[in-house]
Each structure stands twice: as structure tokens, then as C-alpha cells.
């Protein structure tokens, strides 16, 4: 993540008289060219970085410039360090852990115990239980590719189960709705796309460099939202799933009835995800509106029943599978 790398560079420059671009590139595992771009951005942010020429040259902070510790309160520093450590734990980025430690060094000694105690009181880990290690590895690969402006290549499984080769310009890693995504410009489709990391395979960085395009994933998301494809749902939930309902839906969407059941009104893009979300509540939910969604859930529930109405599972298993389970 570039902002975290730049923060790390600033902390290093504050703690040293000067440091070379080569050492910085090795420290943060990026190219020397990327370091020069970061230094330029740091200068533009108002922190005066001086370049010293020659074999023993490098970068340093202007002598009369100092970071005032009072600019950030202890609570501010605690929030920053906690966030950096949490992202580090999630993505496996050791550089972020190092940056957090360097910021901690700016905290007065008599306040460090307060911050360390806060680490035990508050933690953020957005990786789901039982997450696939591959996702963490792919995040590190994509972070490097985005920073270095390298194309990446991978095999992608789409919603139809097709496996397609993709070559893309990686731009942004996104965590949204319990999953990791990559926003990129696809060289195959010649358009912007959002790829789910769990559907990627054989990800590798290519040597070819690209120039980052101006559009962001927020621009694309706002352009692709088609409100005509949204469906207005009215769902009735039984009291037994109240906790789960309150976790899924905002309080303003829930109406509580005298018998403890709940009426939920919500709007979502109509797709397989919506059907799956409704079915995940099993017999504890009933679709009241619209009628066509009610019919879809009814049909899918019937197909599920047809699978289980006859206890034929064992007879359909391969002989080798039955034997191995008996053993």
C-alpha cells in the first residue's frame, strides 16, 4: 500500500540524517524509480525532503524541519498504530508492522504502556474464519504489482464456471462484503473490471509496465449501478433468528410484530446472491413481496427437497469412497 510505504519512508528520514534510494528500495522491496516517485509525493505533501548527490548521497529531511509530536495526540497515535497492526495481521505485510513500531517510538515512554494495553483491548481482523491462505499471498503479489505498475496475468473462473486467461492492469485491492476484490483494466476485454480474488488462479506478475489510468473503482461502481435491476423485498422472519436478522439488516429496515416476528423491507440488486441470502435463513423466513421472488424461492426449496426426499446418498457414492470411510 503506497500510503503506508510513504509513511514508513517519512519515519525513516526523520530518524536518520540521510538514506539512499537503493537502501529504501531494498527496505520496502520496490524499485528505485518507485522510491523517487514516493519522495516526490512526500515533497508535494509539504514535508521538505532534500536530495544529496554523489556516491554517499541520498535523501534527508531539511535540518530546520521537525515533526511535532503534539500534532498527534496519544489517542491519535493509538488509532494509527492499531490500524497499521491490524492491516499487517490481515495481509501479512511485515512493512506495516515495522512502520507501526517506528511510530510507537515517537510516543513518550510513560505513555507506551497505555498504547500496548489498547492493543489487547481492540483488534481488527477482516479475514474470515477458515480463510484461504492463497488470498493473503495474492494480496501481497497484487500490492507489489500495483506499486511497481506491472501487468499481472491469471486464470479466472467467471459466474458460468468458465476458466479464462486474463491480463490486466491492477489498480486497487478492495475488501467488500466478506471478500477481497481487484479493480483493474482488463487488456482482454479492453475495459475496467472487478475480479474476486477467490476465483483467481495461477496469478503472476509480468515484466511489462503500464501507466495508471485516471478512473477509480468508485467511479466505475457509480457508473455500473443500475437501479432498475434492484428488487424491493418484504421478508417475514420468525423470532428465533432475531439476532441474525439484526446483524444483517439496519434497524430502520426492521419492524417488530407483537408475536416477536419481524418484517424487513430492503432493496438489493436481484441476482443469485439475493436468492442465496434468503435461503440461508431456511424455514425461518418467508418472502411476502414481490411475488416472483416468492416463486423463485419456492422453486429452489422444492429442488432442495427433491434431493433429500430419498435417502440414496450412500448407494450413489463410489465404492472406493464407501470403503475408505468404513476404514
Protein backbone atom coordinates (compact mmCIF):
# COMPACT_ATOMS: atom_id res chain seq x y z
CA UNK A 1 0.00 0.00 0.00
CA UNK A 2 1.64 3.20 -1.13
CA UNK A 3 0.40 5.46 1.69
CA UNK A 4 1.82 3.08 4.30
CA UNK A 5 5.14 2.87 2.47
CA UNK A 6 5.34 6.67 2.26
CA UNK A 7 4.62 6.94 5.97
CA UNK A 8 7.40 4.46 6.62
CA UNK A 9 9.81 6.48 4.46
CA UNK A 10 8.98 9.68 6.37
CA UNK A 11 9.62 7.98 9.73
CA UNK A 12 12.97 6.63 8.48
CA UNK A 13 14.01 10.04 7.18
CA UNK A 14 13.09 11.65 10.50
CA UNK A 15 15.27 9.15 12.39
CA UNK A 16 18.33 9.37 10.09
CA UNK A 17 20.49 12.13 8.66
CA UNK A 18 20.15 10.63 5.19
CA UNK A 19 19.41 7.35 3.46
CA UNK A 20 20.00 6.29 -0.14
CA UNK A 21 17.30 5.44 -2.66
CA UNK A 22 18.85 1.98 -3.05
CA UNK A 23 18.55 1.22 0.67
CA UNK A 24 14.97 2.48 0.69
CA UNK A 25 14.10 0.33 -2.33
CA UNK A 26 15.59 -2.74 -0.62
CA UNK A 27 13.88 -1.92 2.66
CA UNK A 28 10.42 -1.60 1.09
CA UNK A 29 11.02 -4.15 -1.70
CA UNK A 30 10.17 -1.78 -4.55
CA UNK A 31 12.16 -0.29 -7.41
CA UNK A 32 14.38 2.79 -7.08
CA UNK A 33 12.07 4.52 -9.55
CA UNK A 34 9.12 3.91 -7.21
CA UNK A 35 11.11 5.44 -4.32
CA UNK A 36 11.75 8.58 -6.37
CA UNK A 37 8.02 8.83 -7.10
CA UNK A 38 7.25 8.45 -3.39
CA UNK A 39 9.80 11.12 -2.44
CA UNK A 40 8.22 13.50 -4.96
CA UNK A 41 4.78 12.85 -3.47
CA UNK A 42 6.13 13.40 0.07
CA UNK A 43 7.57 16.74 -1.03
CA UNK A 44 4.24 17.73 -2.56
CA UNK A 45 2.57 16.88 0.76
CA UNK A 46 4.65 19.62 2.41
CA UNK A 47 7.46 17.61 4.02
CA UNK A 48 10.77 19.08 2.76
CA UNK A 49 12.97 16.20 1.56
CA UNK A 50 16.49 17.19 0.49
CA UNK A 51 18.43 15.19 -2.14
CA UNK A 52 22.17 14.81 -1.54
CA UNK A 53 24.11 13.95 -4.75
CA UNK A 54 27.15 11.69 -5.09
CA UNK A 55 28.11 8.15 -4.13
CA UNK A 56 27.41 8.84 -0.46
CA UNK A 57 24.34 10.88 -1.15
CA UNK A 58 20.70 10.09 -0.54
CA UNK A 59 17.62 11.69 0.92
CA UNK A 60 17.13 13.56 4.16
CA UNK A 61 14.71 15.89 5.90
CA UNK A 62 15.64 19.59 5.85
CA UNK A 63 17.62 20.41 9.02
CA UNK A 64 15.21 23.03 10.36
CA UNK A 65 12.18 20.75 9.92
CA UNK A 66 10.96 18.69 12.84
CA UNK A 67 7.83 16.61 13.42
CA UNK A 68 5.96 17.99 16.40
CA UNK A 69 4.78 15.10 18.50
CA UNK A 70 1.98 17.25 19.83
CA UNK A 71 0.38 17.42 16.37
CA UNK A 72 -0.97 13.93 17.13
CA UNK A 73 -2.47 13.09 20.49
CA UNK A 74 -1.82 9.77 22.22
CA UNK A 75 -5.29 8.62 21.14
CA UNK A 76 -4.48 9.63 17.54
CA UNK A 77 -1.24 7.63 17.61
CA UNK A 78 -3.03 4.68 19.21
CA UNK A 79 -5.62 4.65 16.44
CA UNK A 80 -2.94 4.84 13.72
CA UNK A 81 -0.78 2.11 15.21
CA UNK A 82 -3.76 -0.16 15.90
CA UNK A 83 -4.93 0.25 12.31
CA UNK A 84 -1.48 -0.46 10.87
CA UNK A 85 -1.02 -3.54 13.04
CA UNK A 86 -4.49 -4.82 12.14
CA UNK A 87 -3.89 -4.44 8.40
CA UNK A 88 -0.48 -6.07 8.84
CA UNK A 89 -2.03 -9.07 10.60
CA UNK A 90 -4.67 -9.35 7.89
CA UNK A 91 -2.45 -9.06 4.82
CA UNK A 92 0.82 -10.40 6.21
CA UNK A 93 2.61 -7.16 5.28
CA UNK A 94 5.62 -7.01 7.62
CA UNK A 95 6.46 -3.50 6.45
CA UNK A 96 3.29 -2.20 8.10
CA UNK A 97 4.29 -3.85 11.37
CA UNK A 98 7.67 -2.09 11.15
CA UNK A 99 6.03 1.26 10.43
CA UNK A 100 3.77 0.79 13.46
CA UNK A 101 6.80 0.12 15.65
CA UNK A 102 8.54 3.25 14.36
CA UNK A 103 5.51 5.40 15.12
CA UNK A 104 5.40 3.81 18.57
CA UNK A 105 8.97 5.06 19.06
CA UNK A 106 7.64 8.64 18.78
CA UNK A 107 5.38 8.09 21.79
CA UNK A 108 6.70 9.30 25.17
CA UNK A 109 7.98 6.40 27.26
CA UNK A 110 5.47 6.99 30.05
CA UNK A 111 2.60 6.58 27.53
CA UNK A 112 3.72 3.43 25.72
CA UNK A 113 2.07 1.09 28.24
CA UNK A 114 -1.28 2.76 27.57
CA UNK A 115 -0.95 2.09 23.85
CA UNK A 116 0.23 -1.51 24.34
CA UNK A 117 -2.76 -2.13 26.60
CA UNK A 118 -5.03 -0.78 23.89
CA UNK A 119 -3.70 -3.47 21.51
CA UNK A 120 -5.15 -6.10 23.86
CA UNK A 121 -8.48 -4.26 24.09
CA UNK A 122 -9.13 -3.60 20.41
CA UNK A 123 -8.19 -5.64 17.34
CA UNK A 124 -9.31 -5.68 13.72
CA UNK A 125 -9.04 -8.85 11.65
CA UNK A 126 -11.13 -8.78 8.48
CA UNK A 127 -10.02 -12.21 7.29
CA UNK A 128 -12.95 -14.64 7.74
CA UNK A 129 -12.67 -17.74 9.90
CA UNK A 130 -11.01 -20.51 7.92
CA UNK A 131 -9.84 -18.12 5.19
CA UNK A 132 -7.77 -19.47 2.31
CA UNK A 133 -4.05 -18.70 2.67
CA UNK A 134 -3.92 -18.13 -1.08
CA UNK A 135 -5.88 -14.89 -0.68
CA UNK A 136 -3.23 -13.44 1.63
CA UNK A 137 -0.47 -14.46 -0.78
CA UNK A 138 -2.31 -12.96 -3.73
CA UNK A 139 -2.81 -9.70 -1.86
CA UNK A 140 0.96 -9.35 -1.40
CA UNK A 141 1.59 -10.14 -5.08
CA UNK A 142 -1.00 -7.61 -6.21
CA UNK A 143 0.31 -4.95 -3.83
CA UNK A 144 3.72 -5.28 -5.44
CA UNK A 145 2.29 -5.21 -8.96
CA UNK A 146 0.19 -2.12 -8.23
CA UNK A 147 3.14 -0.32 -6.66
CA UNK A 148 5.52 -1.22 -9.50
CA UNK A 149 2.88 -0.67 -12.23
CA UNK A 150 3.37 -4.20 -13.58
CA UNK A 151 0.76 -6.10 -15.56
CA UNK A 152 -0.49 -9.31 -13.95
CA UNK A 153 -1.75 -12.49 -15.54
CA UNK A 154 -4.10 -15.08 -14.05
CA UNK A 155 -6.77 -17.66 -14.82
CA UNK A 156 -10.24 -16.51 -13.77
CA UNK A 157 -13.39 -18.54 -13.15
CA UNK A 158 -16.50 -16.50 -14.02
CA UNK A 159 -20.08 -16.93 -12.78
CA UNK A 160 -20.76 -19.51 -15.52
CA UNK A 161 -17.88 -21.66 -14.31
CA UNK A 162 -15.72 -20.87 -17.34
CA UNK A 163 -11.93 -20.57 -16.89
CA UNK A 164 -10.49 -17.63 -18.85
CA UNK A 165 -6.97 -16.24 -19.15
CA UNK A 166 -6.77 -12.58 -18.13
CA UNK A 167 -4.03 -9.96 -18.48
CA UNK A 168 -4.87 -6.83 -16.50
CA UNK A 169 -3.52 -3.52 -15.24
CA UNK A 170 -4.01 -3.87 -11.44
CA UNK A 171 -5.19 -0.65 -9.82
CA UNK A 172 -6.91 -1.18 -6.45
CA UNK A 173 -7.35 -4.01 -3.94
CA UNK A 174 -10.78 -3.86 -2.30
CA UNK A 175 -12.31 -5.64 0.68
CA UNK A 176 -16.09 -5.57 0.49
CA UNK A 177 -18.85 -7.84 1.69
CA UNK A 178 -16.63 -10.53 3.27
CA UNK A 179 -14.45 -10.90 0.17
CA UNK A 180 -11.34 -9.44 -1.49
CA UNK A 181 -11.52 -7.98 -5.00
CA UNK A 182 -9.15 -6.48 -7.55
CA UNK A 183 -10.17 -3.44 -9.58
CA UNK A 184 -8.23 -3.46 -12.83
CA UNK A 185 -8.26 -2.59 -16.51
CA UNK A 186 -8.56 -5.82 -18.49
CA UNK A 187 -6.37 -5.95 -21.61
CA UNK A 188 -8.50 -8.82 -22.96
CA UNK A 189 -11.88 -7.04 -22.63
CA UNK A 190 -10.38 -3.56 -23.12
CA UNK A 191 -12.46 -2.28 -20.22
CA UNK A 192 -12.47 -1.88 -16.44
CA UNK A 193 -13.34 -4.97 -14.42
CA UNK A 194 -13.61 -6.09 -10.80
CA UNK A 195 -12.23 -9.58 -10.09
CA UNK A 196 -12.84 -11.63 -6.97
CA UNK A 197 -9.54 -12.96 -5.60
CA UNK A 198 -11.02 -16.32 -4.61
CA UNK A 199 -11.77 -17.00 -8.28
CA UNK A 200 -8.21 -16.29 -9.41
CA UNK A 201 -5.61 -18.94 -10.02
CA UNK A 202 -2.02 -19.03 -11.30
CA UNK A 203 -1.51 -15.33 -10.55
CA UNK A 204 1.85 -13.98 -11.67
CA UNK A 205 3.50 -10.60 -12.25
CA UNK A 206 4.54 -9.75 -15.81
CA UNK A 207 7.52 -7.63 -16.82
CA UNK A 208 5.52 -5.14 -18.89
CA UNK A 209 4.90 -1.75 -17.23
CA UNK A 210 1.69 0.23 -17.62
CA UNK A 211 0.65 3.83 -16.98
CA UNK A 212 -2.08 4.03 -14.35
CA UNK A 213 -5.40 5.22 -15.77
CA UNK A 214 -7.36 8.09 -14.25
CA UNK A 215 -10.61 6.34 -13.34
CA UNK A 216 -11.01 4.84 -9.87
CA UNK A 217 -13.09 1.89 -8.73
CA UNK A 218 -15.52 4.33 -7.10
CA UNK A 219 -16.11 5.95 -10.50
CA UNK A 220 -16.81 2.58 -12.09
CA UNK A 221 -19.04 1.42 -9.24
CA UNK A 222 -21.20 4.55 -9.52
CA UNK A 223 -21.44 4.14 -13.30
CA UNK A 224 -22.42 0.48 -13.19
CA UNK A 225 -25.17 0.71 -10.56
CA UNK A 226 -28.44 0.11 -12.39
CA UNK A 227 -31.30 0.89 -10.03
CA UNK A 228 -33.77 -0.73 -12.43
CA UNK A 229 -32.23 -4.10 -11.50
CA UNK A 230 -32.90 -3.59 -7.78
CA UNK A 231 -35.72 -5.53 -6.18
CA UNK A 232 -37.72 -4.28 -3.19
CA UNK A 233 -38.08 -7.18 -0.77
CA UNK A 234 -40.56 -7.63 2.06
CA UNK A 235 -39.50 -10.55 4.26
CA UNK A 236 -41.07 -12.01 7.40
CA UNK A 237 -38.69 -13.62 9.90
CA UNK A 238 -39.52 -15.83 12.86
CA UNK A 239 -38.43 -14.73 16.37
CA UNK A 240 -35.79 -17.49 16.60
CA UNK A 241 -33.49 -15.66 14.15
CA UNK A 242 -33.82 -12.18 15.64
CA UNK A 243 -30.08 -11.89 16.42
CA UNK A 244 -29.10 -12.91 12.90
CA UNK A 245 -31.64 -10.53 11.36
CA UNK A 246 -30.34 -7.62 13.42
CA UNK A 247 -26.80 -8.44 12.26
CA UNK A 248 -27.82 -8.44 8.59
CA UNK A 249 -30.25 -5.52 8.41
CA UNK A 250 -30.30 -1.95 9.69
CA UNK A 251 -32.71 -1.08 12.49
CA UNK A 252 -34.60 1.28 10.17
CA UNK A 253 -35.45 -1.66 7.87
CA UNK A 254 -36.95 -3.84 10.62
CA UNK A 255 -40.49 -3.72 12.02
CA UNK A 256 -41.18 -5.83 15.12
CA UNK A 257 -44.57 -7.51 15.45
CA UNK A 258 -46.36 -8.36 18.70
CA UNK A 259 -45.65 -12.11 18.36
CA UNK A 260 -41.89 -11.46 18.12
CA UNK A 261 -41.62 -11.96 14.38
CA UNK A 262 -40.05 -9.29 12.19
CA UNK A 263 -40.91 -7.65 8.89
CA UNK A 264 -37.88 -6.50 6.91
CA UNK A 265 -38.05 -4.14 3.95
CA UNK A 266 -34.84 -3.93 1.93
CA UNK A 267 -33.66 -3.25 -1.60
CA UNK A 268 -30.91 -5.25 -3.35
CA UNK A 269 -29.74 -5.95 -6.90
CA UNK A 270 -31.60 -9.08 -7.97
CA UNK A 271 -29.19 -11.94 -8.57
CA UNK A 272 -28.19 -15.35 -7.22
CA UNK A 273 -26.70 -13.72 -4.12
CA UNK A 274 -30.14 -12.46 -3.05
CA UNK A 275 -31.70 -15.89 -3.50
CA UNK A 276 -28.88 -17.49 -1.53
CA UNK A 277 -29.15 -14.92 1.27
CA UNK A 278 -32.88 -15.65 1.67
CA UNK A 279 -32.40 -19.42 1.55
CA UNK A 280 -29.65 -19.18 4.19
CA UNK A 281 -32.40 -18.48 6.76
CA UNK A 282 -34.08 -21.78 5.90
CA UNK A 283 -37.62 -22.17 7.25
CA UNK A 284 -37.26 -19.10 9.46
CA UNK A 285 -38.07 -16.64 6.66
CA UNK A 286 -40.99 -16.13 4.29
CA UNK A 287 -40.94 -13.88 1.22
CA UNK A 288 -44.06 -11.69 1.24
CA UNK A 289 -43.16 -9.48 -1.72
CA UNK A 290 -42.58 -9.41 -4.63
CA UNK A 291 -44.49 -12.47 -5.92
CA UNK A 292 -41.85 -13.50 -8.48
CA UNK A 293 -39.14 -13.72 -5.80
CA UNK A 294 -41.51 -15.79 -3.67
CA UNK A 295 -41.97 -18.16 -6.62
CA UNK A 296 -38.20 -18.41 -7.20
CA UNK A 297 -37.52 -19.30 -3.56
CA UNK A 298 -40.39 -21.79 -3.61
CA UNK A 299 -38.96 -23.49 -6.70
CA UNK A 300 -35.44 -23.62 -5.29
CA UNK A 301 -36.73 -25.01 -1.99
CA UNK A 302 -38.58 -27.71 -3.94
CA UNK A 303 -35.37 -28.68 -5.75
CA UNK A 304 -33.58 -28.95 -2.41
CA UNK A 305 -36.38 -31.15 -1.06
CA UNK A 306 -36.21 -33.40 -4.12
CA UNK A 307 -32.52 -34.04 -3.40
CA UNK A 308 -33.17 -35.17 0.17
CA UNK A 309 -36.61 -36.81 -0.04
CA UNK A 310 -35.00 -40.20 -0.74
CA UNK A 311 -32.09 -41.39 1.38
CA UNK A 312 -29.99 -42.54 -1.58
CA UNK A 313 -26.70 -40.84 -0.77
CA UNK A 314 -24.76 -43.94 0.31
CA UNK A 315 -25.86 -46.00 -2.67
CA UNK A 316 -24.67 -43.26 -5.03
CA UNK A 317 -21.17 -42.99 -3.54
CA UNK A 318 -18.22 -44.58 -5.35
CA UNK A 319 -17.22 -47.93 -3.86
CA UNK A 320 -13.73 -46.61 -3.03
CA UNK A 321 -15.27 -43.73 -1.03
CA UNK A 322 -17.55 -46.06 0.98
CA UNK A 323 -14.65 -48.40 1.73
CA UNK A 324 -12.31 -45.61 2.87
CA UNK A 325 -14.98 -44.24 5.24
CA UNK A 326 -15.60 -47.65 6.76
CA UNK A 327 -11.90 -48.00 7.45
